[in-house]
Protein backbone atom coordinates (compact mmCIF):
# COMPACT_ATOMS: atom_id res chain seq x y z
CA MET A 1 35.98 150.19 102.66
CA ASP A 2 39.11 148.31 101.60
CA TYR A 3 37.25 146.75 98.70
CA PHE A 4 35.26 149.75 97.47
CA SER A 5 36.86 151.29 94.39
CA ASP A 6 36.17 154.11 91.98
CA ILE A 7 34.61 151.57 89.60
CA ASP A 8 32.17 150.51 92.33
CA LEU A 9 31.15 154.10 92.94
CA PHE A 10 30.78 154.99 89.27
CA SER A 11 28.86 151.77 88.59
CA ARG A 12 26.26 152.82 91.10
CA ILE A 13 25.85 156.48 90.20
CA MET A 14 26.43 156.70 86.45
CA LYS A 15 23.73 156.18 83.85
CA LYS A 16 24.22 154.67 80.41
CA SER A 17 26.20 156.95 78.04
CA GLU A 18 27.50 159.19 80.83
CA ARG A 19 31.15 159.97 81.35
CA THR A 20 33.01 161.36 84.32
CA CYS A 21 35.08 164.51 84.21
CA ILE A 22 38.62 164.00 82.97
CA PHE A 23 41.52 163.74 85.38
CA ASN A 24 45.27 163.88 84.97
CA CYS A 25 47.15 160.56 85.12
CA LYS A 26 50.69 161.94 85.48
CA ARG A 27 51.08 160.59 89.03
CA GLU A 28 49.92 157.15 87.94
CA ILE A 29 52.52 157.09 85.14
CA ASP A 30 55.20 158.00 87.70
CA LYS A 31 53.96 155.22 89.98
CA ILE A 32 54.09 152.67 87.16
CA ARG A 33 57.60 153.78 86.20
CA ASP A 34 58.81 153.66 89.81
CA THR A 35 57.55 150.10 90.33
CA GLY A 36 59.75 148.97 87.46
CA ILE A 37 56.88 147.63 85.39
CA LYS A 38 57.51 150.10 82.59
CA LYS A 39 61.06 151.30 83.07
CA GLU A 40 61.25 152.36 79.45
CA ILE A 41 58.82 155.23 80.09
CA PRO A 42 60.95 158.37 79.96
CA TYR A 43 60.98 160.66 82.98
CA TYR A 44 59.91 163.65 81.00
CA PHE A 45 56.76 163.56 78.97
CA PRO A 46 55.98 166.43 76.64
CA LEU A 47 52.45 165.06 76.93
CA SER A 48 49.69 165.25 79.50
CA PHE A 49 47.94 161.96 80.20
CA TYR A 50 44.26 162.07 81.02
CA ALA A 51 41.57 159.53 81.83
CA PHE A 52 37.84 159.36 82.38
CA TYR A 53 35.23 156.69 82.99
CA LEU A 54 32.51 155.98 80.44
CA LYS A 55 29.38 153.96 81.20
CA THR A 56 28.71 152.39 77.82
CA VAL A 57 25.89 150.04 78.86
CA GLN A 58 23.48 149.88 81.78
CA HIS A 59 24.44 146.51 83.28
CA ASP A 60 28.26 146.60 83.15
CA THR A 61 30.92 148.58 84.93
CA PRO A 62 32.21 151.77 83.35
CA CYS A 63 35.26 151.58 81.07
CA ARG A 64 38.34 153.57 81.98
CA ILE A 65 39.47 155.51 78.92
CA GLU A 66 42.99 156.97 78.82
CA PHE A 67 44.37 159.43 76.30
CA PHE A 68 47.12 162.01 75.94
CA MET A 69 47.46 165.58 74.75
CA ASP A 70 50.33 167.99 74.18
CA GLU A 71 51.29 169.73 77.41
CA LYS A 72 50.56 173.10 75.87
CA HIS A 73 46.87 172.25 75.40
CA CYS A 74 44.45 173.55 77.99
CA TYR A 75 42.04 171.55 80.10
CA LYS A 76 39.12 172.68 77.91
CA LYS A 77 40.76 171.13 74.81
CA ALA A 78 41.36 167.90 76.72
CA SER A 79 37.71 167.83 77.73
CA GLU A 80 36.69 168.35 74.09
CA LYS A 81 38.92 165.43 73.08
CA ALA A 82 37.24 163.29 75.76
CA ASP A 83 33.86 164.22 74.24
CA LEU A 84 35.13 163.18 70.80
CA ILE A 85 36.45 159.86 72.14
CA THR A 86 33.11 159.26 73.86
CA SER A 87 31.20 159.94 70.65
CA ILE A 88 33.38 157.39 68.83
CA LEU A 89 33.28 154.69 71.51
CA LEU A 90 29.60 154.69 72.46
CA PRO A 91 28.22 153.38 69.14
CA ILE A 92 30.72 150.49 69.05
CA SER A 93 30.38 149.58 72.73
CA ASN A 94 26.70 149.28 73.47
CA LEU A 95 25.50 146.33 71.42
CA ASN A 96 24.99 144.16 74.50
CA GLU A 97 23.46 145.63 77.68
CA HIS A 98 25.61 143.38 79.89
CA TYR A 99 29.02 143.85 78.24
CA GLY A 100 30.24 147.31 77.34
CA LEU A 101 33.73 147.03 75.92
CA PRO A 102 34.33 148.43 72.42
CA ILE A 103 34.05 145.74 69.74
CA PRO A 104 37.54 146.43 68.28
CA GLN A 105 39.05 145.89 71.73
CA ILE A 106 37.19 142.60 72.15
CA GLU A 107 38.34 141.44 68.71
CA ALA A 108 41.95 142.54 69.33
CA HIS A 109 42.00 140.63 72.62
CA ARG A 110 40.52 137.54 70.96
CA ARG A 111 43.23 137.61 68.31
CA ALA A 112 46.10 138.39 70.69
CA VAL A 113 45.46 135.81 73.41
CA PHE A 114 47.17 132.44 73.06
CA LYS A 115 44.89 129.42 73.13
CA PRO A 116 45.82 126.78 75.75
CA ASN A 117 47.07 124.34 73.08
CA GLU A 118 49.25 127.10 71.57
CA VAL A 119 50.77 127.77 75.00
CA ASP A 120 51.48 124.05 75.38
CA ILE A 121 53.18 123.89 71.96
CA LEU A 122 55.27 126.98 72.72
CA LEU A 123 56.28 125.70 76.16
CA ASN A 124 57.14 122.23 74.83
CA ASN A 125 59.33 123.76 72.10
CA LEU A 126 61.06 125.96 74.67
CA ILE A 127 61.68 123.01 77.00
CA ARG A 128 63.00 120.90 74.12
CA THR A 129 65.36 123.68 73.00
CA LEU A 130 66.61 124.29 76.55
CA ASN A 131 67.12 120.56 77.11
CA THR A 132 69.42 120.38 74.05
CA HIS A 133 71.61 122.95 75.83
CA GLY A 134 71.61 121.07 79.13
CA ILE A 135 69.04 123.29 80.86
CA SER A 136 65.95 121.74 82.34
CA LEU A 137 62.93 123.50 83.77
CA LEU A 138 61.20 122.25 86.89
CA GLU A 139 57.43 122.03 86.72
CA LYS A 140 55.48 124.10 89.22
CA ARG A 141 55.17 122.37 92.57
CA ARG A 142 51.38 122.17 92.29
CA ASN A 143 51.77 120.21 89.03
CA ARG A 144 54.20 117.75 90.63
CA ARG A 145 52.01 116.68 93.54
CA PRO A 146 52.18 112.94 94.16
CA PHE A 147 48.54 112.79 95.27
């Protein structure tokens, strides 16, 4: 059971275009803040963070969708917002039965990710700049193997 997650469960029981009920993510935000990953997250949110899973296509895992609402909104309003989000995401996420991410997210990721040659150029420029100041970086041990 160590390797069985919520995604595994929802993958098996959800049908295409179904969504789970919404759930509050406040504890998860606190966990992220406490680990130091996102220290800039303030300790008081005037917002309630919610999430749900949406099965956009038959042969892919459900997508986790997160959103926020004003604290003063009730659970019914949050559920209505989840329905609205679902109605927006489904038409732009189900063009391929084996890959269900929304097209804008795929395109944003494609544009944001550095290509390997761009990473090499950036790293070489950084190394060159550091070397001019007397600082040298050691390559990773696995890249320095003599055999």
